[in-house]
Amino acid sequence: MNEVKFNLKPVAKKPSRKYRKGSKYDPILDSFLEGEHELVKVEVKNKDANYLRIQLNKRIESRDIEDKVKVSVVNNVAYLEKV
């Protein structure tokens, strides 16, 4: 049997997950952050509120703006809220 060559290197922690540079959901976040309202309802045609929450949360995390905006779903309606 052939031996497998390998290296093991210690690390302090796993890197955070990286997402794409841009997204079709970025304009939603940009408009909300530039707007004056603290709480808005978000509707995207043919998209479920929970799916929308997941996509927006991914963009919020990748843009490192968790301290500025929060997304939630209540009664199958997605909301963006300034923190």
PDB file of N, CA and C in Angstrom:
ATOM      1  N   MET A   1       0.849  -1.178   0.000  1.00  0.00           N
ATOM      2  CA  MET A   1       0.000   0.000   0.000  1.00  0.00           C
ATOM      3  C   MET A   1       0.894   1.241   0.000  1.00  0.00           C
ATOM      4  N   ASN A   2       0.526   2.247  -0.809  1.00  0.00           N
ATOM      5  CA  ASN A   2       1.299   3.482  -0.885  1.00  0.00           C
ATOM      6  C   ASN A   2       1.010   4.371   0.308  1.00  0.00           C
ATOM      7  N   GLU A   3       2.047   5.068   0.749  1.00  0.00           N
ATOM      8  CA  GLU A   3       1.873   6.014   1.845  1.00  0.00           C
ATOM      9  C   GLU A   3       1.343   7.331   1.313  1.00  0.00           C
ATOM     10  N   VAL A   4       0.530   7.997   2.114  1.00  0.00           N
ATOM     11  CA  VAL A   4      -0.023   9.302   1.763  1.00  0.00           C
ATOM     12  C   VAL A   4       0.821  10.362   2.440  1.00  0.00           C
ATOM     13  N   LYS A   5       1.307  11.331   1.648  1.00  0.00           N
ATOM     14  CA  LYS A   5       2.076  12.432   2.231  1.00  0.00           C
ATOM     15  C   LYS A   5       1.127  13.538   2.653  1.00  0.00           C
ATOM     16  N   PHE A   6       1.337  14.060   3.853  1.00  0.00           N
ATOM     17  CA  PHE A   6       0.450  15.105   4.350  1.00  0.00           C
ATOM     18  C   PHE A   6       1.179  15.960   5.372  1.00  0.00           C
ATOM     19  N   ASN A   7       0.598  17.126   5.651  1.00  0.00           N
ATOM     20  CA  ASN A   7       1.096  18.039   6.674  1.00  0.00           C
ATOM     21  C   ASN A   7      -0.057  18.430   7.576  1.00  0.00           C
ATOM     22  N   LEU A   8       0.201  18.557   8.853  1.00  0.00           N
ATOM     23  CA  LEU A   8      -0.779  19.059   9.811  1.00  0.00           C
ATOM     24  C   LEU A   8      -0.222  20.352  10.397  1.00  0.00           C
ATOM     25  N   LYS A   9      -1.032  21.408  10.344  1.00  0.00           N
ATOM     26  CA  LYS A   9      -0.592  22.695  10.865  1.00  0.00           C
ATOM     27  C   LYS A   9      -1.598  23.194  11.891  1.00  0.00           C
ATOM     28  N   PRO A  10      -1.128  23.556  13.070  1.00  0.00           N
ATOM     29  CA  PRO A  10      -2.056  24.073  14.087  1.00  0.00           C
ATOM     30  C   PRO A  10      -2.559  25.470  13.714  1.00  0.00           C
ATOM     31  N   VAL A  11      -3.824  25.734  14.032  1.00  0.00           N
ATOM     32  CA  VAL A  11      -4.422  27.046  13.801  1.00  0.00           C
ATOM     33  C   VAL A  11      -5.162  27.468  15.058  1.00  0.00           C
ATOM     34  N   ALA A  12      -5.282  28.775  15.239  1.00  0.00           N
ATOM     35  CA  ALA A  12      -5.969  29.290  16.423  1.00  0.00           C
ATOM     36  C   ALA A  12      -7.477  29.098  16.322  1.00  0.00           C
ATOM     37  N   LYS A  13      -8.040  29.357  15.125  1.00  0.00           N
ATOM     38  CA  LYS A  13      -9.476  29.158  14.928  1.00  0.00           C
ATOM     39  C   LYS A  13      -9.778  29.017  13.452  1.00  0.00           C
ATOM     40  N   LYS A  14     -10.936  28.486  13.155  1.00  0.00           N
ATOM     41  CA  LYS A  14     -11.347  28.346  11.764  1.00  0.00           C
ATOM     42  C   LYS A  14     -11.696  29.714  11.203  1.00  0.00           C
ATOM     43  N   PRO A  15     -11.400  29.962   9.932  1.00  0.00           N
ATOM     44  CA  PRO A  15     -11.783  31.247   9.342  1.00  0.00           C
ATOM     45  C   PRO A  15     -13.298  31.325   9.173  1.00  0.00           C
ATOM     46  N   SER A  16     -13.820  32.547   9.193  1.00  0.00           N
ATOM     47  CA  SER A  16     -15.259  32.707   8.983  1.00  0.00           C
ATOM     48  C   SER A  16     -15.582  32.433   7.531  1.00  0.00           C
ATOM     49  N   ARG A  17     -16.786  32.032   7.293  1.00  0.00           N
ATOM     50  CA  ARG A  17     -17.219  31.700   5.946  1.00  0.00           C
ATOM     51  C   ARG A  17     -17.251  32.950   5.081  1.00  0.00           C
ATOM     52  N   LYS A  18     -16.761  32.821   3.867  1.00  0.00           N
ATOM     53  CA  LYS A  18     -16.736  33.949   2.940  1.00  0.00           C
ATOM     54  C   LYS A  18     -17.853  33.789   1.917  1.00  0.00           C
ATOM     55  N   TYR A  19     -18.512  34.886   1.634  1.00  0.00           N
ATOM     56  CA  TYR A  19     -19.579  34.884   0.653  1.00  0.00           C
ATOM     57  C   TYR A  19     -19.150  35.680  -0.570  1.00  0.00           C
ATOM     58  N   ARG A  20     -19.950  35.609  -1.600  1.00  0.00           N
ATOM     59  CA  ARG A  20     -19.657  36.345  -2.828  1.00  0.00           C
ATOM     60  C   ARG A  20     -19.487  37.827  -2.540  1.00  0.00           C
ATOM     61  N   LYS A  21     -18.805  38.495  -3.457  1.00  0.00           N
ATOM     62  CA  LYS A  21     -18.556  39.926  -3.292  1.00  0.00           C
ATOM     63  C   LYS A  21     -19.841  40.741  -3.401  1.00  0.00           C
ATOM     64  N   GLY A  22     -20.724  40.369  -4.299  1.00  0.00           N
ATOM     65  CA  GLY A  22     -21.953  41.124  -4.481  1.00  0.00           C
ATOM     66  C   GLY A  22     -23.153  40.198  -4.498  1.00  0.00           C
ATOM     67  N   SER A  23     -24.316  40.778  -4.384  1.00  0.00           N
ATOM     68  CA  SER A  23     -25.532  39.979  -4.370  1.00  0.00           C
ATOM     69  C   SER A  23     -26.691  40.822  -4.874  1.00  0.00           C
ATOM     70  N   LYS A  24     -27.704  40.154  -5.408  1.00  0.00           N
ATOM     71  CA  LYS A  24     -28.887  40.893  -5.842  1.00  0.00           C
ATOM     72  C   LYS A  24     -29.675  41.427  -4.649  1.00  0.00           C
ATOM     73  N   TYR A  25     -29.316  40.983  -3.430  1.00  0.00           N
ATOM     74  CA  TYR A  25     -29.988  41.468  -2.225  1.00  0.00           C
ATOM     75  C   TYR A  25     -29.298  42.681  -1.608  1.00  0.00           C
ATOM     76  N   ASP A  26     -28.116  43.037  -2.083  1.00  0.00           N
ATOM     77  CA  ASP A  26     -27.408  44.215  -1.569  1.00  0.00           C
ATOM     78  C   ASP A  26     -28.199  45.508  -1.737  1.00  0.00           C
ATOM     79  N   PRO A  27     -28.858  45.742  -2.871  1.00  0.00           N
ATOM     80  CA  PRO A  27     -29.633  46.986  -3.004  1.00  0.00           C
ATOM     81  C   PRO A  27     -30.735  47.130  -1.948  1.00  0.00           C
ATOM     82  N   ILE A  28     -31.298  46.019  -1.489  1.00  0.00           N
ATOM     83  CA  ILE A  28     -32.319  46.073  -0.435  1.00  0.00           C
ATOM     84  C   ILE A  28     -31.697  46.629   0.834  1.00  0.00           C
ATOM     85  N   LEU A  29     -30.533  46.089   1.203  1.00  0.00           N
ATOM     86  CA  LEU A  29     -29.858  46.539   2.419  1.00  0.00           C
ATOM     87  C   LEU A  29     -29.381  47.984   2.275  1.00  0.00           C
ATOM     88  N   ASP A  30     -28.845  48.330   1.105  1.00  0.00           N
ATOM     89  CA  ASP A  30     -28.367  49.699   0.875  1.00  0.00           C
ATOM     90  C   ASP A  30     -29.507  50.706   1.006  1.00  0.00           C
ATOM     91  N   SER A  31     -30.636  50.406   0.378  1.00  0.00           N
ATOM     92  CA  SER A  31     -31.787  51.313   0.439  1.00  0.00           C
ATOM     93  C   SER A  31     -32.283  51.475   1.868  1.00  0.00           C
ATOM     94  N   PHE A  32     -32.325  50.370   2.595  1.00  0.00           N
ATOM     95  CA  PHE A  32     -32.794  50.439   3.976  1.00  0.00           C
ATOM     96  C   PHE A  32     -31.850  51.275   4.841  1.00  0.00           C
ATOM     97  N   LEU A  33     -30.543  51.028   4.717  1.00  0.00           N
ATOM     98  CA  LEU A  33     -29.574  51.754   5.536  1.00  0.00           C
ATOM     99  C   LEU A  33     -29.545  53.240   5.202  1.00  0.00           C
ATOM    100  N   GLU A  34     -29.780  53.587   3.953  1.00  0.00           N
ATOM    101  CA  GLU A  34     -29.802  54.991   3.544  1.00  0.00           C
ATOM    102  C   GLU A  34     -31.112  55.676   3.906  1.00  0.00           C
ATOM    103  N   GLY A  35     -32.156  54.889   4.087  1.00  0.00           N
ATOM    104  CA  GLY A  35     -33.473  55.439   4.401  1.00  0.00           C
ATOM    105  C   GLY A  35     -33.581  55.914   5.836  1.00  0.00           C
ATOM    106  N   GLU A  36     -34.703  56.569   6.118  1.00  0.00           N
ATOM    107  CA  GLU A  36     -34.902  57.156   7.444  1.00  0.00           C
ATOM    108  C   GLU A  36     -35.693  56.265   8.393  1.00  0.00           C
ATOM    109  N   HIS A  37     -36.345  55.224   7.876  1.00  0.00           N
ATOM    110  CA  HIS A  37     -37.209  54.378   8.700  1.00  0.00           C
ATOM    111  C   HIS A  37     -36.400  53.379   9.522  1.00  0.00           C
ATOM    112  N   GLU A  38     -36.844  53.142  10.740  1.00  0.00           N
ATOM    113  CA  GLU A  38     -36.175  52.210  11.651  1.00  0.00           C
ATOM    114  C   GLU A  38     -36.619  50.765  11.426  1.00  0.00           C
ATOM    115  N   LEU A  39     -37.825  50.582  10.898  1.00  0.00           N
ATOM    116  CA  LEU A  39     -38.388  49.255  10.698  1.00  0.00           C
ATOM    117  C   LEU A  39     -39.171  49.239   9.396  1.00  0.00           C
ATOM    118  N   VAL A  40     -38.874  48.268   8.526  1.00  0.00           N
ATOM    119  CA  VAL A  40     -39.586  48.163   7.254  1.00  0.00           C
ATOM    120  C   VAL A  40     -39.947  46.702   6.975  1.00  0.00           C
ATOM    121  N   LYS A  41     -41.011  46.526   6.222  1.00  0.00           N
ATOM    122  CA  LYS A  41     -41.419  45.214   5.751  1.00  0.00           C
ATOM    123  C   LYS A  41     -40.767  45.009   4.390  1.00  0.00           C
ATOM    124  N   VAL A  42     -40.190  43.837   4.157  1.00  0.00           N
ATOM    125  CA  VAL A  42     -39.504  43.550   2.896  1.00  0.00           C
ATOM    126  C   VAL A  42     -40.289  42.503   2.128  1.00  0.00           C
ATOM    127  N   GLU A  43     -40.601  42.819   0.882  1.00  0.00           N
ATOM    128  CA  GLU A  43     -41.291  41.871   0.014  1.00  0.00           C
ATOM    129  C   GLU A  43     -40.515  41.749  -1.292  1.00  0.00           C
ATOM    130  N   VAL A  44     -40.234  40.513  -1.688  1.00  0.00           N
ATOM    131  CA  VAL A  44     -39.580  40.243  -2.963  1.00  0.00           C
ATOM    132  C   VAL A  44     -40.473  39.253  -3.698  1.00  0.00           C
ATOM    133  N   LYS A  45     -40.813  39.587  -4.918  1.00  0.00           N
ATOM    134  CA  LYS A  45     -41.727  38.762  -5.704  1.00  0.00           C
ATOM    135  C   LYS A  45     -41.204  37.328  -5.828  1.00  0.00           C
ATOM    136  N   ASN A  46     -42.083  36.381  -5.582  1.00  0.00           N
ATOM    137  CA  ASN A  46     -41.807  34.942  -5.694  1.00  0.00           C
ATOM    138  C   ASN A  46     -40.758  34.431  -4.709  1.00  0.00           C
ATOM    139  N   LYS A  47     -40.549  35.143  -3.598  1.00  0.00           N
ATOM    140  CA  LYS A  47     -39.603  34.681  -2.580  1.00  0.00           C
ATOM    141  C   LYS A  47     -40.311  34.577  -1.231  1.00  0.00           C
ATOM    142  N   ASP A  48     -40.139  33.444  -0.576  1.00  0.00           N
ATOM    143  CA  ASP A  48     -40.696  33.204   0.745  1.00  0.00           C
ATOM    144  C   ASP A  48     -39.955  34.060   1.768  1.00  0.00           C
ATOM    145  N   ALA A  49     -40.643  34.481   2.807  1.00  0.00           N
ATOM    146  CA  ALA A  49     -40.050  35.351   3.823  1.00  0.00           C
ATOM    147  C   ALA A  49     -38.867  34.680   4.527  1.00  0.00           C
ATOM    148  N   ASN A  50     -38.959  33.393   4.797  1.00  0.00           N
ATOM    149  CA  ASN A  50     -37.849  32.703   5.465  1.00  0.00           C
ATOM    150  C   ASN A  50     -36.631  32.587   4.557  1.00  0.00           C
ATOM    151  N   TYR A  51     -36.853  32.346   3.277  1.00  0.00           N
ATOM    152  CA  TYR A  51     -35.760  32.318   2.311  1.00  0.00           C
ATOM    153  C   TYR A  51     -35.097  33.692   2.244  1.00  0.00           C
ATOM    154  N   LEU A  52     -35.911  34.720   2.213  1.00  0.00           N
ATOM    155  CA  LEU A  52     -35.412  36.092   2.167  1.00  0.00           C
ATOM    156  C   LEU A  52     -34.572  36.409   3.413  1.00  0.00           C
ATOM    157  N   ARG A  53     -35.044  35.970   4.565  1.00  0.00           N
ATOM    158  CA  ARG A  53     -34.300  36.184   5.817  1.00  0.00           C
ATOM    159  C   ARG A  53     -32.919  35.542   5.746  1.00  0.00           C
ATOM    160  N   ILE A  54     -32.856  34.327   5.237  1.00  0.00           N
ATOM    161  CA  ILE A  54     -31.572  33.625   5.127  1.00  0.00           C
ATOM    162  C   ILE A  54     -30.622  34.377   4.199  1.00  0.00           C
ATOM    163  N   GLN A  55     -31.117  34.793   3.038  1.00  0.00           N
ATOM    164  CA  GLN A  55     -30.271  35.498   2.075  1.00  0.00           C
ATOM    165  C   GLN A  55     -29.791  36.843   2.620  1.00  0.00           C
ATOM    166  N   LEU A  56     -30.693  37.569   3.245  1.00  0.00           N
ATOM    167  CA  LEU A  56     -30.309  38.867   3.809  1.00  0.00           C
ATOM    168  C   LEU A  56     -29.334  38.700   4.968  1.00  0.00           C
ATOM    169  N   ASN A  57     -29.529  37.680   5.786  1.00  0.00           N
ATOM    170  CA  ASN A  57     -28.595  37.427   6.885  1.00  0.00           C
ATOM    171  C   ASN A  57     -27.202  37.097   6.367  1.00  0.00           C
ATOM    172  N   LYS A  58     -27.126  36.349   5.274  1.00  0.00           N
ATOM    173  CA  LYS A  58     -25.827  36.051   4.668  1.00  0.00           C
ATOM    174  C   LYS A  58     -25.130  37.331   4.223  1.00  0.00           C
ATOM    175  N   ARG A  59     -25.878  38.237   3.620  1.00  0.00           N
ATOM    176  CA  ARG A  59     -25.286  39.494   3.154  1.00  0.00           C
ATOM    177  C   ARG A  59     -24.901  40.388   4.331  1.00  0.00           C
ATOM    178  N   ILE A  60     -25.732  40.402   5.360  1.00  0.00           N
ATOM    179  CA  ILE A  60     -25.434  41.204   6.552  1.00  0.00           C
ATOM    180  C   ILE A  60     -24.140  40.707   7.188  1.00  0.00           C
ATOM    181  N   GLU A  61     -23.988  39.389   7.283  1.00  0.00           N
ATOM    182  CA  GLU A  61     -22.781  38.805   7.867  1.00  0.00           C
ATOM    183  C   GLU A  61     -21.552  39.093   7.004  1.00  0.00           C
ATOM    184  N   SER A  62     -21.686  38.905   5.705  1.00  0.00           N
ATOM    185  CA  SER A  62     -20.529  39.097   4.829  1.00  0.00           C
ATOM    186  C   SER A  62     -20.106  40.559   4.753  1.00  0.00           C
ATOM    187  N   ARG A  63     -21.054  41.479   4.924  1.00  0.00           N
ATOM    188  CA  ARG A  63     -20.733  42.908   4.891  1.00  0.00           C
ATOM    189  C   ARG A  63     -20.354  43.437   6.273  1.00  0.00           C
ATOM    190  N   ASP A  64     -20.412  42.567   7.274  1.00  0.00           N
ATOM    191  CA  ASP A  64     -20.044  42.903   8.650  1.00  0.00           C
ATOM    192  C   ASP A  64     -20.851  44.098   9.172  1.00  0.00           C
ATOM    193  N   ILE A  65     -22.170  44.013   8.994  1.00  0.00           N
ATOM    194  CA  ILE A  65     -23.054  45.085   9.475  1.00  0.00           C
ATOM    195  C   ILE A  65     -24.086  44.551  10.464  1.00  0.00           C
ATOM    196  N   GLU A  66     -23.717  43.479  11.189  1.00  0.00           N
ATOM    197  CA  GLU A  66     -24.632  42.906  12.166  1.00  0.00           C
ATOM    198  C   GLU A  66     -25.001  43.904  13.257  1.00  0.00           C
ATOM    199  N   ASP A  67     -24.124  44.865  13.500  1.00  0.00           N
ATOM    200  CA  ASP A  67     -24.391  45.862  14.537  1.00  0.00           C
ATOM    201  C   ASP A  67     -25.283  46.996  14.044  1.00  0.00           C
ATOM    202  N   LYS A  68     -25.632  47.005  12.751  1.00  0.00           N
ATOM    203  CA  LYS A  68     -26.444  48.078  12.184  1.00  0.00           C
ATOM    204  C   LYS A  68     -27.849  47.642  11.787  1.00  0.00           C
ATOM    205  N   VAL A  69     -27.987  46.404  11.342  1.00  0.00           N
ATOM    206  CA  VAL A  69     -29.278  45.957  10.814  1.00  0.00           C
ATOM    207  C   VAL A  69     -29.560  44.515  11.231  1.00  0.00           C
ATOM    208  N   LYS A  70     -30.856  44.238  11.421  1.00  0.00           N
ATOM    209  CA  LYS A  70     -31.305  42.910  11.834  1.00  0.00           C
ATOM    210  C   LYS A  70     -32.499  42.536  10.973  1.00  0.00           C
ATOM    211  N   VAL A  71     -32.582  41.288  10.563  1.00  0.00           N
ATOM    212  CA  VAL A  71     -33.720  40.819   9.777  1.00  0.00           C
ATOM    213  C   VAL A  71     -34.464  39.760  10.584  1.00  0.00           C
ATOM    214  N   SER A  72     -35.786  39.802  10.512  1.00  0.00           N
ATOM    215  CA  SER A  72     -36.608  38.826  11.227  1.00  0.00           C
ATOM    216  C   SER A  72     -37.840  38.509  10.406  1.00  0.00           C
ATOM    217  N   VAL A  73     -38.497  37.415  10.765  1.00  0.00           N
ATOM    218  CA  VAL A  73     -39.725  36.996  10.089  1.00  0.00           C
ATOM    219  C   VAL A  73     -40.809  36.792  11.135  1.00  0.00           C
ATOM    220  N   VAL A  74     -41.958  37.426  10.903  1.00  0.00           N
ATOM    221  CA  VAL A  74     -43.115  37.268  11.759  1.00  0.00           C
ATOM    222  C   VAL A  74     -44.324  37.024  10.862  1.00  0.00           C
ATOM    223  N   ASN A  75     -45.023  35.929  11.115  1.00  0.00           N
ATOM    224  CA  ASN A  75     -46.213  35.582  10.315  1.00  0.00           C
ATOM    225  C   ASN A  75     -45.922  35.583   8.816  1.00  0.00           C
ATOM    226  N   ASN A  76     -44.788  34.982   8.445  1.00  0.00           N
ATOM    227  CA  ASN A  76     -44.355  34.841   7.056  1.00  0.00           C
ATOM    228  C   ASN A  76     -44.161  36.190   6.355  1.00  0.00           C
ATOM    229  N   VAL A  77     -43.753  37.198   7.104  1.00  0.00           N
ATOM    230  CA  VAL A  77     -43.404  38.507   6.553  1.00  0.00           C
ATOM    231  C   VAL A  77     -42.027  38.869   7.073  1.00  0.00           C
ATOM    232  N   ALA A  78     -41.132  39.264   6.150  1.00  0.00           N
ATOM    233  CA  ALA A  78     -39.763  39.631   6.525  1.00  0.00           C
ATOM    234  C   ALA A  78     -39.696  41.112   6.888  1.00  0.00           C
ATOM    235  N   TYR A  79     -38.934  41.407   7.934  1.00  0.00           N
ATOM    236  CA  TYR A  79     -38.750  42.777   8.395  1.00  0.00           C
ATOM    237  C   TYR A  79     -37.267  43.084   8.544  1.00  0.00           C
ATOM    238  N   LEU A  80     -36.887  44.315   8.186  1.00  0.00           N
ATOM    239  CA  LEU A  80     -35.550  44.814   8.442  1.00  0.00           C
ATOM    240  C   LEU A  80     -35.669  45.873   9.524  1.00  0.00           C
ATOM    241  N   GLU A  81     -34.744  45.823  10.483  1.00  0.00           N
ATOM    242  CA  GLU A  81     -34.776  46.739  11.616  1.00  0.00           C
ATOM    243  C   GLU A  81     -33.381  47.279  11.871  1.00  0.00           C
ATOM    244  N   LYS A  82     -33.298  48.591  12.081  1.00  0.00           N
ATOM    245  CA  LYS A  82     -32.013  49.181  12.434  1.00  0.00           C
ATOM    246  C   LYS A  82     -31.759  48.928  13.906  1.00  0.00           C
ATOM    247  N   VAL A  83     -30.523  48.550  14.213  1.00  0.00           N
ATOM    248  CA  VAL A  83     -30.140  48.201  15.591  1.00  0.00           C
ATOM    249  C   VAL A  83     -29.632  49.451  16.292  1.00  0.00           C
TER     250      VAL A  83
END
